[in-house]
């Protein structure tokens, strides 16, 4: 599935099942909450915190998909074409960082 197809699918789902988009500020709050849920799993599963029993069955992929879903909602309702934005972002990073990371002794 392309990014554009995902944006279309989310929009169709919202219009069919969700009645309407939550407003942008509500979706930003939901996005923050979803990133927090993802961070909790990563911090406990891969970081130094011990994983709570209640977190052991949490699906990291599902939490990442929740983040992506809300991000796509925000893109749709603010008129952002994520495909174009992502392509432009990769170009920016490539121009800015093409040598930077290879020269970073901390990464070797």
C-alpha atoms as a PDB file:
ATOM      1  CA  UNK A   1       0.000   0.000   0.000  1.00  0.00           C
ATOM      2  CA  UNK A   2       1.368   3.413  -0.902  1.00  0.00           C
ATOM      3  CA  UNK A   3       1.207   6.388   1.423  1.00  0.00           C
ATOM      4  CA  UNK A   4      -1.407   7.975  -0.841  1.00  0.00           C
ATOM      5  CA  UNK A   5      -3.501   4.802  -0.742  1.00  0.00           C
ATOM      6  CA  UNK A   6      -3.273   4.833   3.057  1.00  0.00           C
ATOM      7  CA  UNK A   7      -4.423   8.459   3.142  1.00  0.00           C
ATOM      8  CA  UNK A   8      -7.380   7.581   0.906  1.00  0.00           C
ATOM      9  CA  UNK A   9      -8.273   4.486   2.918  1.00  0.00           C
ATOM     10  CA  UNK A  10      -8.224   6.374   6.223  1.00  0.00           C
ATOM     11  CA  UNK A  11     -10.374   9.135   4.717  1.00  0.00           C
ATOM     12  CA  UNK A  12     -12.907   6.600   3.414  1.00  0.00           C
ATOM     13  CA  UNK A  13     -12.990   4.829   6.797  1.00  0.00           C
ATOM     14  CA  UNK A  14     -13.562   8.113   8.654  1.00  0.00           C
ATOM     15  CA  UNK A  15     -16.391   9.083   6.307  1.00  0.00           C
ATOM     16  CA  UNK A  16     -17.982   5.620   6.525  1.00  0.00           C
ATOM     17  CA  UNK A  17     -17.534   4.650  10.179  1.00  0.00           C
ATOM     18  CA  UNK A  18     -16.197   7.641  12.033  1.00  0.00           C
ATOM     19  CA  UNK A  19     -18.837  10.202  10.974  1.00  0.00           C
ATOM     20  CA  UNK A  20     -16.175  12.964  10.798  1.00  0.00           C
ATOM     21  CA  UNK A  21     -12.600  13.719  11.770  1.00  0.00           C
ATOM     22  CA  UNK A  22     -11.928  14.875  15.299  1.00  0.00           C
ATOM     23  CA  UNK A  23     -10.632  18.430  15.180  1.00  0.00           C
ATOM     24  CA  UNK A  24      -6.928  18.985  14.669  1.00  0.00           C
ATOM     25  CA  UNK A  25      -6.172  19.781  18.311  1.00  0.00           C
ATOM     26  CA  UNK A  26      -7.989  16.667  19.485  1.00  0.00           C
ATOM     27  CA  UNK A  27      -6.083  14.567  16.949  1.00  0.00           C
ATOM     28  CA  UNK A  28      -2.792  16.119  18.040  1.00  0.00           C
ATOM     29  CA  UNK A  29      -3.607  15.115  21.606  1.00  0.00           C
ATOM     30  CA  UNK A  30      -4.529  11.591  20.478  1.00  0.00           C
ATOM     31  CA  UNK A  31      -1.269  11.388  18.491  1.00  0.00           C
ATOM     32  CA  UNK A  32       0.694  12.365  21.603  1.00  0.00           C
ATOM     33  CA  UNK A  33      -1.124   9.704  23.602  1.00  0.00           C
ATOM     34  CA  UNK A  34      -0.427   7.029  20.972  1.00  0.00           C
ATOM     35  CA  UNK A  35       3.273   7.967  20.780  1.00  0.00           C
ATOM     36  CA  UNK A  36       3.365   7.648  24.576  1.00  0.00           C
ATOM     37  CA  UNK A  37       1.895   4.146  24.412  1.00  0.00           C
ATOM     38  CA  UNK A  38       4.486   3.158  21.811  1.00  0.00           C
ATOM     39  CA  UNK A  39       7.274   4.728  23.880  1.00  0.00           C
ATOM     40  CA  UNK A  40       6.180   2.817  26.975  1.00  0.00           C
ATOM     41  CA  UNK A  41       6.530  -0.508  25.180  1.00  0.00           C
ATOM     42  CA  UNK A  42       9.915   0.392  23.679  1.00  0.00           C
ATOM     43  CA  UNK A  43      11.256   1.769  26.970  1.00  0.00           C
ATOM     44  CA  UNK A  44      10.303  -1.366  28.844  1.00  0.00           C
ATOM     45  CA  UNK A  45      11.030  -3.940  26.181  1.00  0.00           C
ATOM     46  CA  UNK A  46      14.276  -2.517  24.833  1.00  0.00           C
ATOM     47  CA  UNK A  47      15.320   0.030  27.444  1.00  0.00           C
ATOM     48  CA  UNK A  48      16.463  -0.251  31.003  1.00  0.00           C
ATOM     49  CA  UNK A  49      13.049  -0.358  32.663  1.00  0.00           C
ATOM     50  CA  UNK A  50      11.630  -3.753  33.481  1.00  0.00           C
ATOM     51  CA  UNK A  51       8.557  -4.716  31.519  1.00  0.00           C
ATOM     52  CA  UNK A  52       5.380  -4.879  33.561  1.00  0.00           C
ATOM     53  CA  UNK A  53       3.319  -8.027  33.274  1.00  0.00           C
ATOM     54  CA  UNK A  54       0.455  -5.975  31.815  1.00  0.00           C
ATOM     55  CA  UNK A  55       2.736  -4.720  29.013  1.00  0.00           C
ATOM     56  CA  UNK A  56       4.189  -8.065  27.918  1.00  0.00           C
ATOM     57  CA  UNK A  57       1.344  -8.877  25.529  1.00  0.00           C
ATOM     58  CA  UNK A  58       1.164  -5.394  23.982  1.00  0.00           C
ATOM     59  CA  UNK A  59       1.715  -5.379  20.227  1.00  0.00           C
ATOM     60  CA  UNK A  60       4.350  -2.805  19.271  1.00  0.00           C
ATOM     61  CA  UNK A  61       3.305  -2.976  15.610  1.00  0.00           C
ATOM     62  CA  UNK A  62      -0.291  -2.181  16.543  1.00  0.00           C
ATOM     63  CA  UNK A  63       0.845   0.828  18.581  1.00  0.00           C
ATOM     64  CA  UNK A  64       2.955   2.043  15.646  1.00  0.00           C
ATOM     65  CA  UNK A  65      -0.061   1.624  13.369  1.00  0.00           C
ATOM     66  CA  UNK A  66      -2.137   3.733  15.805  1.00  0.00           C
ATOM     67  CA  UNK A  67       0.494   6.493  15.534  1.00  0.00           C
ATOM     68  CA  UNK A  68       0.444   6.237  11.740  1.00  0.00           C
ATOM     69  CA  UNK A  69      -3.360   6.311  11.661  1.00  0.00           C
ATOM     70  CA  UNK A  70      -3.630   9.547  13.620  1.00  0.00           C
ATOM     71  CA  UNK A  71      -0.756  11.124  11.681  1.00  0.00           C
ATOM     72  CA  UNK A  72      -2.591  10.295   8.459  1.00  0.00           C
ATOM     73  CA  UNK A  73      -5.784  11.800   9.881  1.00  0.00           C
ATOM     74  CA  UNK A  74      -3.923  15.024  10.637  1.00  0.00           C
ATOM     75  CA  UNK A  75      -2.386  15.056   7.156  1.00  0.00           C
ATOM     76  CA  UNK A  76      -5.771  14.528   5.535  1.00  0.00           C
ATOM     77  CA  UNK A  77      -7.531  17.234   7.464  1.00  0.00           C
ATOM     78  CA  UNK A  78      -4.730  19.797   6.991  1.00  0.00           C
ATOM     79  CA  UNK A  79      -4.276  19.095   3.269  1.00  0.00           C
ATOM     80  CA  UNK A  80      -0.798  17.553   3.509  1.00  0.00           C
ATOM     81  CA  UNK A  81       0.170  15.081   0.789  1.00  0.00           C
ATOM     82  CA  UNK A  82       2.383  12.781   2.858  1.00  0.00           C
ATOM     83  CA  UNK A  83       3.974  11.217  -0.216  1.00  0.00           C
ATOM     84  CA  UNK A  84       5.246  14.586  -1.443  1.00  0.00           C
ATOM     85  CA  UNK A  85       6.166  15.682   2.080  1.00  0.00           C
ATOM     86  CA  UNK A  86       8.116  12.481   2.725  1.00  0.00           C
ATOM     87  CA  UNK A  87       9.945  12.667  -0.611  1.00  0.00           C
ATOM     88  CA  UNK A  88      10.878  16.303   0.119  1.00  0.00           C
ATOM     89  CA  UNK A  89      12.017  15.318   3.626  1.00  0.00           C
ATOM     90  CA  UNK A  90      14.288  12.557   2.309  1.00  0.00           C
ATOM     91  CA  UNK A  91      15.815  15.014  -0.164  1.00  0.00           C
ATOM     92  CA  UNK A  92      16.395  17.539   2.639  1.00  0.00           C
ATOM     93  CA  UNK A  93      18.028  14.942   4.878  1.00  0.00           C
ATOM     94  CA  UNK A  94      20.190  13.646   2.033  1.00  0.00           C
ATOM     95  CA  UNK A  95      21.497  17.106   1.160  1.00  0.00           C
ATOM     96  CA  UNK A  96      22.069  18.042   4.784  1.00  0.00           C
ATOM     97  CA  UNK A  97      23.394  14.758   6.170  1.00  0.00           C
ATOM     98  CA  UNK A  98      25.004  12.874   3.260  1.00  0.00           C
ATOM     99  CA  UNK A  99      28.442  13.018   4.918  1.00  0.00           C
ATOM    100  CA  UNK A 100      27.577  13.952   8.480  1.00  0.00           C
ATOM    101  CA  UNK A 101      26.861  10.495   9.895  1.00  0.00           C
ATOM    102  CA  UNK A 102      29.816   8.832   8.155  1.00  0.00           C
ATOM    103  CA  UNK A 103      32.088  11.392   9.806  1.00  0.00           C
ATOM    104  CA  UNK A 104      30.600  10.873  13.272  1.00  0.00           C
ATOM    105  CA  UNK A 105      33.106   8.877  15.325  1.00  0.00           C
ATOM    106  CA  UNK A 106      30.356   8.010  17.822  1.00  0.00           C
ATOM    107  CA  UNK A 107      28.693   5.838  15.176  1.00  0.00           C
ATOM    108  CA  UNK A 108      31.766   3.783  14.328  1.00  0.00           C
END
